[in-house]
Amino acid sequence: MPKRWIAIALMGVTAATLTACGSSEDDVDAAAAPDGAALEGTNWVLSDSTDLGTSLDGVTVSARFADGTMAGTSGCNSYTGPYEVDGEDLTIGPDIASTQMACEDPQASAEQGYLAALPEVASFAIADEQLTLSNGDGDALLVFDASVGAEAVVGSWTVTSYYAGDAILSVAGDATLTADFADDGSVSGNAGCNNYNGPYETDGDSITIGPLAGTKMACASEELSKQETDFLAALELATTFTVTGDRLDLLRDGGTIAVTLQRA
């Protein structure tokens, strides 16, 4: 049986708690920086200048703030939690929900340090497309860089995980799922059994994929057939993206994972 990582587990709270704590219109205005970057609606990727007590080589940590919910990847797992903005003041959590995939170092250590730092955040500042989250004493805890640029998506990618309706799953067995984003606005690839293609469009860090069409060859098993269907559906759910080094994250509404890919 293929090894899968599944369950989204709440750490001490119910899911309902995570949808609380919206931002007022004034708060959203206050979150905008003079240079055009903004706390909300920007895909932020943790800078390797952040000190989490471990190496960040090969570790991807991201954050997106929207409608009172912060979400992203924490090095190995996906996470989500509430936040509130009041001028330059920012509070996150303290209750954070996370998927529970087992990780090795440095991902595991970086993730532990990152999730522990989030409830300590008391303020934020944005300058030169960089977001700094600080504690109550004004000490920088986490530093992020804005992730934008349609040209970063172009190229050949291999899928590592995808959203299957109620969980994020790793690719099953020996199947290889691919996505090739061309600079003419077309995407094509292999979904494990069949080839597919369709249009895509980017606008800043927003992305729209599909509708997608594919060949009709039967898969070798029901599992591969379901994986193909779920993967193609996940591509069309993507609304934003982040590119960090050789990793592409296609994100659903709320900043949660649709598909993760590695550059081929």
Protein backbone atom coordinates (compact mmCIF):
# COMPACT_ATOMS: atom_id res chain seq x y z
CA MET A 1 0.00 0.00 0.00
CA PRO A 2 1.30 3.52 -0.77
CA LYS A 3 2.36 5.60 2.14
CA ARG A 4 -0.05 8.46 2.61
CA TRP A 5 -0.28 11.39 4.98
CA ILE A 6 -3.72 12.47 5.79
CA ALA A 7 -5.60 13.80 8.72
CA ILE A 8 -6.01 17.40 9.60
CA ALA A 9 -5.91 17.51 13.39
CA LEU A 10 -6.89 20.40 15.58
CA MET A 11 -4.41 21.30 18.29
CA GLY A 12 -6.70 21.99 21.23
CA VAL A 13 -9.57 23.68 19.41
CA THR A 14 -12.52 22.96 17.17
CA ALA A 15 -12.51 24.04 13.54
CA ALA A 16 -15.17 26.60 14.32
CA THR A 17 -12.71 28.53 16.45
CA LEU A 18 -10.47 29.06 13.45
CA THR A 19 -13.07 30.96 11.45
CA ALA A 20 -13.51 33.64 14.09
CA CYS A 21 -11.64 36.95 14.37
CA GLY A 22 -12.23 38.88 11.15
CA SER A 23 -10.55 42.16 10.22
CA SER A 24 -12.38 45.45 9.94
CA GLU A 25 -12.12 47.66 6.85
CA ASP A 26 -9.88 50.04 8.80
CA ASP A 27 -7.63 47.14 9.77
CA VAL A 28 -7.23 46.12 6.12
CA ASP A 29 -6.25 49.67 5.17
CA ALA A 30 -3.74 49.75 8.02
CA ALA A 31 -2.19 46.55 6.75
CA ALA A 32 -1.16 48.16 3.48
CA ALA A 33 2.42 49.32 3.08
CA PRO A 34 3.39 52.50 1.18
CA ASP A 35 5.38 50.51 -1.41
CA GLY A 36 2.31 48.51 -2.46
CA ALA A 37 2.93 45.28 -0.56
CA ALA A 38 0.22 44.39 1.94
CA LEU A 39 -0.13 42.02 4.84
CA GLU A 40 -3.38 40.65 3.46
CA GLY A 41 -3.65 39.08 0.03
CA THR A 42 0.11 38.60 -0.45
CA ASN A 43 1.83 35.23 -0.51
CA TRP A 44 4.69 35.44 2.00
CA VAL A 45 7.61 32.99 2.06
CA LEU A 46 9.83 32.75 5.14
CA SER A 47 13.29 34.21 4.55
CA ASP A 48 16.35 32.13 5.38
CA SER A 49 17.46 35.08 7.52
CA THR A 50 14.89 33.97 10.11
CA ASP A 51 16.44 32.21 13.10
CA LEU A 52 14.42 29.12 14.05
CA GLY A 53 17.36 27.39 15.68
CA THR A 54 17.94 25.07 12.73
CA SER A 55 18.97 25.16 9.08
CA LEU A 56 16.32 26.33 6.64
CA ASP A 57 18.01 24.73 3.62
CA GLY A 58 15.36 22.84 1.69
CA VAL A 59 12.61 24.06 4.04
CA THR A 60 9.61 25.95 2.66
CA VAL A 61 7.48 27.97 5.07
CA SER A 62 4.73 30.21 3.73
CA ALA A 63 1.92 32.41 5.01
CA ARG A 64 -1.13 34.11 3.55
CA PHE A 65 -3.43 36.44 5.50
CA ALA A 66 -7.03 36.81 4.31
CA ASP A 67 -10.38 37.50 5.99
CA GLY A 68 -9.12 36.81 9.51
CA THR A 69 -7.49 33.49 8.65
CA MET A 70 -3.75 32.87 8.31
CA ALA A 71 -2.76 29.75 6.38
CA GLY A 72 0.21 28.23 4.64
CA THR A 73 2.88 25.55 4.84
CA SER A 74 4.99 25.23 7.98
CA GLY A 75 7.95 23.31 6.58
CA CYS A 76 6.31 19.91 6.28
CA ASN A 77 2.60 20.29 7.06
CA SER A 78 -0.13 22.77 6.18
CA TYR A 79 -1.52 24.99 8.95
CA THR A 80 -4.32 27.49 9.53
CA GLY A 81 -5.40 29.76 12.36
CA PRO A 82 -7.12 33.07 13.19
CA TYR A 83 -5.48 36.50 13.29
CA GLU A 84 -6.48 40.06 14.18
CA VAL A 85 -5.00 43.34 12.92
CA ASP A 86 -5.24 46.69 14.74
CA GLY A 87 -3.03 49.28 13.11
CA GLU A 88 0.47 47.81 13.31
CA ASP A 89 -0.57 45.37 16.04
CA LEU A 90 -1.04 41.76 14.97
CA THR A 91 -2.14 38.76 17.00
CA ILE A 92 -2.13 35.19 15.64
CA GLY A 93 -3.88 32.21 17.17
CA PRO A 94 -3.16 31.14 19.85
CA ASP A 95 -4.96 28.08 18.44
CA ILE A 96 -3.41 26.71 15.26
CA ALA A 97 -4.68 23.71 13.26
CA SER A 98 -2.20 21.59 11.31
CA THR A 99 -1.97 18.47 9.23
CA GLN A 100 -0.01 15.72 10.92
CA MET A 101 2.46 14.25 8.44
CA ALA A 102 5.63 12.91 10.05
CA CYS A 103 8.73 14.87 9.02
CA GLU A 104 12.48 14.56 9.35
CA ASP A 105 14.93 17.33 10.22
CA PRO A 106 15.48 20.07 9.29
CA GLN A 107 11.81 20.31 8.29
CA ALA A 108 10.52 18.97 11.62
CA SER A 109 12.66 21.28 13.77
CA ALA A 110 11.91 24.33 11.60
CA GLU A 111 8.18 23.58 11.71
CA GLN A 112 8.19 23.22 15.50
CA GLY A 113 10.01 26.53 15.92
CA TYR A 114 7.79 28.34 13.44
CA LEU A 115 4.46 27.20 14.89
CA ALA A 116 5.68 28.03 18.41
CA ALA A 117 6.60 31.57 17.29
CA LEU A 118 3.23 32.45 15.76
CA PRO A 119 1.33 33.04 19.04
CA GLU A 120 4.23 35.25 20.23
CA VAL A 121 3.69 37.76 17.41
CA ALA A 122 2.50 41.18 18.57
CA SER A 123 3.18 43.49 15.61
CA PHE A 124 4.17 43.60 11.95
CA ALA A 125 6.05 45.89 9.59
CA ILE A 126 6.42 45.81 5.80
CA ALA A 127 9.29 47.41 3.87
CA ASP A 128 10.81 46.65 0.46
CA GLU A 129 8.50 43.66 -0.14
CA GLN A 130 9.58 42.13 3.19
CA LEU A 131 7.30 41.37 6.15
CA THR A 132 8.71 41.30 9.68
CA LEU A 133 6.67 39.86 12.56
CA SER A 134 7.89 40.95 16.00
CA ASN A 135 7.09 40.07 19.61
CA GLY A 136 5.85 42.39 22.35
CA ASP A 137 9.40 43.63 23.02
CA GLY A 138 9.87 44.59 19.39
CA ASP A 139 12.26 41.73 18.64
CA ALA A 140 11.94 40.25 15.15
CA LEU A 141 10.62 36.69 15.25
CA LEU A 142 9.83 35.87 11.63
CA VAL A 143 10.89 37.55 8.38
CA PHE A 144 9.08 36.85 5.09
CA ASP A 145 9.64 37.85 1.48
CA ALA A 146 6.75 38.53 -0.91
CA SER A 147 6.36 35.80 -3.54
CA VAL A 148 5.05 37.10 -6.87
CA GLY A 149 5.91 36.76 -10.54
CA ALA A 150 4.15 34.84 -13.30
CA GLU A 151 7.50 33.95 -14.90
CA ALA A 152 8.37 31.81 -11.87
CA VAL A 153 5.57 29.36 -12.73
CA VAL A 154 6.76 28.69 -16.27
CA GLY A 155 8.54 25.36 -16.71
CA SER A 156 8.20 21.65 -16.00
CA TRP A 157 7.09 20.41 -12.58
CA THR A 158 6.59 17.05 -10.87
CA VAL A 159 3.70 16.70 -8.42
CA THR A 160 4.53 15.67 -4.83
CA SER A 161 1.08 16.01 -3.20
CA TYR A 162 -2.46 17.07 -4.00
CA TYR A 163 -5.81 17.84 -2.35
CA ALA A 164 -8.24 14.92 -2.52
CA GLY A 165 -11.40 16.55 -1.17
CA ASP A 166 -10.85 15.86 2.54
CA ALA A 167 -7.07 15.41 2.85
CA ILE A 168 -3.71 16.22 1.29
CA LEU A 169 -2.25 13.02 -0.22
CA SER A 170 1.19 12.12 -1.49
CA VAL A 171 1.38 10.63 -4.97
CA ALA A 172 0.54 6.91 -4.92
CA GLY A 173 2.90 4.12 -5.85
CA ASP A 174 5.15 4.54 -8.86
CA ALA A 175 2.87 7.02 -10.62
CA THR A 176 4.39 10.25 -11.89
CA LEU A 177 2.14 13.30 -12.13
CA THR A 178 3.45 16.30 -14.05
CA ALA A 179 2.53 19.85 -15.01
CA ASP A 180 4.23 21.92 -17.72
CA PHE A 181 3.33 25.62 -17.62
CA ALA A 182 4.17 27.34 -20.93
CA ASP A 183 4.66 31.08 -21.33
CA ASP A 184 1.81 31.12 -23.89
CA GLY A 185 -0.74 30.51 -21.11
CA SER A 186 -1.19 26.76 -21.62
CA VAL A 187 -0.60 23.95 -19.14
CA SER A 188 -0.18 20.28 -19.99
CA GLY A 189 1.13 17.13 -18.38
CA ASN A 190 0.40 13.61 -17.29
CA ALA A 191 -2.12 12.81 -14.54
CA GLY A 192 -0.81 9.30 -13.87
CA CYS A 193 -2.76 7.52 -16.58
CA ASN A 194 -3.71 10.12 -19.16
CA ASN A 195 -2.29 13.27 -20.67
CA TYR A 196 -4.14 16.53 -20.08
CA ASN A 197 -4.01 20.13 -21.24
CA GLY A 198 -5.80 23.43 -20.86
CA PRO A 199 -5.33 27.16 -20.27
CA TYR A 200 -4.00 28.97 -17.22
CA GLU A 201 -3.80 32.64 -16.34
CA THR A 202 -1.88 34.55 -13.67
CA ASP A 203 -2.41 38.03 -12.25
CA GLY A 204 0.17 38.90 -9.60
CA ASP A 205 0.07 35.92 -7.26
CA SER A 206 -3.40 34.82 -8.41
CA ILE A 207 -3.79 31.89 -10.80
CA THR A 208 -6.69 30.31 -12.68
CA ILE A 209 -6.26 26.87 -14.26
CA GLY A 210 -8.63 25.19 -16.68
CA PRO A 211 -10.95 23.96 -17.87
CA LEU A 212 -8.74 20.91 -18.42
CA ALA A 213 -9.26 18.16 -20.99
CA GLY A 214 -7.52 14.78 -21.18
CA THR A 215 -7.17 11.52 -23.03
CA LYS A 216 -9.47 8.65 -22.07
CA MET A 217 -7.20 5.67 -21.45
CA ALA A 218 -8.29 3.39 -18.59
CA CYS A 219 -6.07 3.39 -15.50
CA ALA A 220 -4.46 0.19 -14.23
CA SER A 221 -6.32 0.37 -10.91
CA GLU A 222 -9.21 2.11 -9.21
CA GLU A 223 -6.73 3.87 -6.92
CA LEU A 224 -4.86 5.41 -9.84
CA SER A 225 -8.12 6.39 -11.49
CA LYS A 226 -9.30 8.20 -8.36
CA GLN A 227 -5.90 9.86 -7.94
CA GLU A 228 -6.08 11.18 -11.50
CA THR A 229 -9.59 12.58 -10.99
CA ASP A 230 -8.67 14.20 -7.67
CA PHE A 231 -5.43 15.69 -9.01
CA LEU A 232 -7.08 17.31 -12.03
CA ALA A 233 -9.85 18.68 -9.81
CA ALA A 234 -7.24 20.07 -7.41
CA LEU A 235 -5.49 21.94 -10.23
CA GLU A 236 -8.73 23.70 -11.09
CA LEU A 237 -9.25 24.67 -7.43
CA ALA A 238 -6.04 26.72 -7.34
CA THR A 239 -6.57 30.46 -6.82
CA THR A 240 -3.08 31.63 -5.78
CA PHE A 241 0.49 30.35 -5.99
CA THR A 242 3.90 30.65 -4.38
CA VAL A 243 7.26 29.71 -5.85
CA THR A 244 10.16 29.15 -3.46
CA GLY A 245 13.33 27.88 -5.06
CA ASP A 246 12.40 24.63 -6.81
CA ARG A 247 9.00 24.30 -5.11
CA LEU A 248 5.62 25.47 -6.46
CA ASP A 249 2.60 25.60 -4.17
CA LEU A 250 -0.80 25.97 -5.81
CA LEU A 251 -3.20 27.15 -3.12
CA ARG A 252 -6.96 27.03 -2.69
CA ASP A 253 -9.13 29.77 -1.20
CA GLY A 254 -7.85 30.57 2.28
CA GLY A 255 -4.26 29.72 1.37
CA THR A 256 -4.59 25.96 1.86
CA ILE A 257 -2.82 23.46 -0.40
CA ALA A 258 -4.31 22.40 -3.76
CA VAL A 259 -1.15 20.91 -5.33
CA THR A 260 2.54 20.97 -4.40
CA LEU A 261 5.17 20.45 -7.10
CA GLN A 262 8.96 20.27 -7.49
CA ARG A 263 10.73 21.67 -10.53
CA ALA A 264 11.67 18.83 -12.87
